[in-house]
């Protein structure tokens, strides 16, 4: 197999909106991480940690 890379040849524009982030139910990424439940002493809105939501807003 051979791959030819031609960086100066533009075939198409890749829209920046297709890039993003995701959170997956791995370990404590969601439960105990992003989602703490509405009755948690950690500041939250509908169970979602407000500090994490604010930090995610700044990711570009």
N, C-alpha and C. Protein backbone atom coordinates (compact mmCIF):
# COMPACT_ATOMS: atom_id res chain seq x y z
N UNK A 1 0.84 -1.16 0.00
CA UNK A 1 0.00 0.00 0.00
C UNK A 1 0.89 1.24 0.00
N UNK A 2 0.47 2.24 -0.71
CA UNK A 2 1.22 3.48 -0.79
C UNK A 2 0.29 4.65 -0.52
N UNK A 3 0.74 5.59 0.29
CA UNK A 3 -0.04 6.79 0.59
C UNK A 3 0.74 7.99 0.09
N UNK A 4 0.08 8.83 -0.69
CA UNK A 4 0.69 10.03 -1.23
C UNK A 4 0.10 11.24 -0.51
N UNK A 5 0.95 12.01 0.15
CA UNK A 5 0.51 13.20 0.87
C UNK A 5 0.96 14.42 0.09
N UNK A 6 -0.03 15.26 -0.25
CA UNK A 6 0.26 16.49 -1.00
C UNK A 6 -0.33 17.66 -0.21
N UNK A 7 0.42 18.18 0.77
CA UNK A 7 -0.13 19.20 1.67
C UNK A 7 -0.54 20.50 1.00
N UNK A 8 0.01 20.82 -0.16
CA UNK A 8 -0.35 22.08 -0.83
C UNK A 8 -1.60 21.94 -1.69
N UNK A 9 -2.05 20.72 -1.88
CA UNK A 9 -3.23 20.49 -2.70
C UNK A 9 -4.47 20.45 -1.80
N UNK A 10 -5.35 21.42 -1.98
CA UNK A 10 -6.56 21.51 -1.15
C UNK A 10 -7.71 20.80 -1.87
N UNK A 11 -8.26 19.79 -1.21
CA UNK A 11 -9.38 19.06 -1.80
C UNK A 11 -10.72 19.57 -1.27
N UNK A 12 -10.73 19.93 0.01
CA UNK A 12 -11.99 20.37 0.62
C UNK A 12 -11.70 21.14 1.90
N UNK A 13 -12.68 21.90 2.32
CA UNK A 13 -12.59 22.64 3.58
C UNK A 13 -13.20 21.77 4.68
N UNK A 14 -12.49 21.62 5.78
CA UNK A 14 -13.02 20.87 6.92
C UNK A 14 -13.57 21.89 7.91
N UNK A 15 -14.86 21.82 8.13
CA UNK A 15 -15.52 22.78 9.02
C UNK A 15 -15.06 22.57 10.47
N UNK A 16 -14.71 23.64 11.17
CA UNK A 16 -14.25 23.51 12.56
C UNK A 16 -15.34 22.99 13.50
N UNK A 17 -16.60 23.10 13.10
CA UNK A 17 -17.69 22.64 13.96
C UNK A 17 -17.73 21.13 14.12
N UNK A 18 -17.01 20.39 13.27
CA UNK A 18 -17.06 18.93 13.40
C UNK A 18 -16.14 18.44 14.52
N UNK A 19 -15.24 19.29 14.97
CA UNK A 19 -14.36 18.91 16.06
C UNK A 19 -15.06 19.17 17.38
N UNK A 20 -14.82 18.36 18.36
CA UNK A 20 -15.48 18.57 19.64
C UNK A 20 -14.89 17.70 20.72
N UNK A 21 -15.65 17.55 21.76
CA UNK A 21 -15.23 16.77 22.92
C UNK A 21 -16.34 15.80 23.27
N UNK A 22 -16.01 14.81 24.02
CA UNK A 22 -17.03 13.90 24.50
C UNK A 22 -16.66 13.42 25.89
N UNK A 23 -17.65 13.02 26.60
CA UNK A 23 -17.45 12.39 27.90
C UNK A 23 -18.08 11.03 27.83
N UNK A 24 -17.38 10.06 28.32
CA UNK A 24 -17.87 8.69 28.26
C UNK A 24 -17.94 8.12 29.66
N UNK A 25 -18.82 7.17 29.83
CA UNK A 25 -19.03 6.54 31.13
C UNK A 25 -17.84 5.61 31.44
N UNK A 26 -16.69 6.21 31.70
CA UNK A 26 -15.47 5.46 32.03
C UNK A 26 -15.05 5.82 33.45
N UNK A 27 -14.92 4.85 34.28
CA UNK A 27 -14.46 5.14 35.65
C UNK A 27 -15.33 6.17 36.32
N UNK A 28 -14.75 7.30 36.64
CA UNK A 28 -15.50 8.37 37.30
C UNK A 28 -15.64 9.60 36.41
N UNK A 29 -15.55 9.42 35.12
CA UNK A 29 -15.68 10.55 34.20
C UNK A 29 -17.06 11.20 34.32
N UNK A 30 -18.11 10.39 34.36
CA UNK A 30 -19.46 10.92 34.47
C UNK A 30 -19.90 10.93 35.93
N UNK A 31 -20.15 9.76 36.51
CA UNK A 31 -20.62 9.68 37.89
C UNK A 31 -19.45 9.94 38.84
N UNK A 32 -19.61 10.98 39.65
CA UNK A 32 -18.53 11.38 40.55
C UNK A 32 -17.54 12.32 39.87
N UNK A 33 -17.77 12.59 38.62
CA UNK A 33 -16.91 13.50 37.86
C UNK A 33 -17.74 14.68 37.38
N UNK A 34 -18.37 14.52 36.21
CA UNK A 34 -19.22 15.58 35.66
C UNK A 34 -20.58 15.58 36.36
N UNK A 35 -21.15 14.41 36.56
CA UNK A 35 -22.46 14.30 37.19
C UNK A 35 -22.31 13.86 38.64
N UNK A 36 -22.81 14.69 39.56
CA UNK A 36 -22.70 14.37 40.99
C UNK A 36 -24.05 14.19 41.66
N UNK A 37 -25.13 14.41 40.93
CA UNK A 37 -26.47 14.30 41.50
C UNK A 37 -26.92 15.62 42.10
N UNK A 38 -28.21 15.81 42.10
CA UNK A 38 -28.78 17.09 42.57
C UNK A 38 -28.60 17.33 44.06
N UNK A 39 -28.45 16.28 44.85
CA UNK A 39 -28.31 16.44 46.30
C UNK A 39 -26.87 16.50 46.77
N UNK A 40 -25.93 16.63 45.85
CA UNK A 40 -24.51 16.67 46.20
C UNK A 40 -24.15 18.00 46.86
N UNK A 41 -23.19 17.99 47.80
CA UNK A 41 -22.70 19.24 48.37
C UNK A 41 -21.84 20.03 47.37
N UNK A 42 -21.42 19.38 46.29
CA UNK A 42 -20.65 20.06 45.24
C UNK A 42 -21.62 20.93 44.45
N UNK A 43 -21.29 22.21 44.21
CA UNK A 43 -22.19 23.09 43.45
C UNK A 43 -22.54 22.47 42.09
N UNK A 44 -23.86 22.42 41.81
CA UNK A 44 -24.32 21.79 40.58
C UNK A 44 -25.64 22.38 40.13
N UNK A 45 -25.96 22.16 38.87
CA UNK A 45 -27.26 22.49 38.31
C UNK A 45 -27.80 21.21 37.69
N UNK A 46 -28.93 20.75 38.19
CA UNK A 46 -29.52 19.49 37.73
C UNK A 46 -28.54 18.33 37.83
N UNK A 47 -27.66 18.36 38.83
CA UNK A 47 -26.71 17.28 39.04
C UNK A 47 -25.40 17.43 38.29
N UNK A 48 -25.31 18.38 37.38
CA UNK A 48 -24.08 18.60 36.61
C UNK A 48 -23.22 19.62 37.35
N UNK A 49 -21.96 19.27 37.61
CA UNK A 49 -21.06 20.17 38.34
C UNK A 49 -20.90 21.49 37.60
N UNK A 50 -21.11 22.59 38.30
CA UNK A 50 -21.00 23.89 37.66
C UNK A 50 -19.56 24.24 37.31
N UNK A 51 -18.59 23.79 38.10
CA UNK A 51 -17.19 24.09 37.78
C UNK A 51 -16.74 23.36 36.51
N UNK A 52 -17.21 22.14 36.34
CA UNK A 52 -16.83 21.39 35.14
C UNK A 52 -17.50 21.99 33.91
N UNK A 53 -18.77 22.34 34.01
CA UNK A 53 -19.48 22.95 32.89
C UNK A 53 -18.80 24.25 32.49
N UNK A 54 -18.41 25.06 33.46
CA UNK A 54 -17.72 26.32 33.16
C UNK A 54 -16.37 26.07 32.50
N UNK A 55 -15.63 25.09 32.96
CA UNK A 55 -14.33 24.76 32.35
C UNK A 55 -14.52 24.30 30.91
N UNK A 56 -15.56 23.51 30.66
CA UNK A 56 -15.80 23.02 29.29
C UNK A 56 -16.17 24.15 28.34
N UNK A 57 -16.77 25.21 28.85
CA UNK A 57 -17.12 26.36 28.00
C UNK A 57 -15.89 27.02 27.39
N UNK A 58 -14.76 26.91 28.06
CA UNK A 58 -13.54 27.57 27.61
C UNK A 58 -12.71 26.74 26.63
N UNK A 59 -13.11 25.50 26.40
CA UNK A 59 -12.37 24.64 25.47
C UNK A 59 -12.71 25.05 24.05
N UNK A 60 -11.71 25.23 23.26
CA UNK A 60 -11.90 25.59 21.85
C UNK A 60 -11.22 24.58 20.97
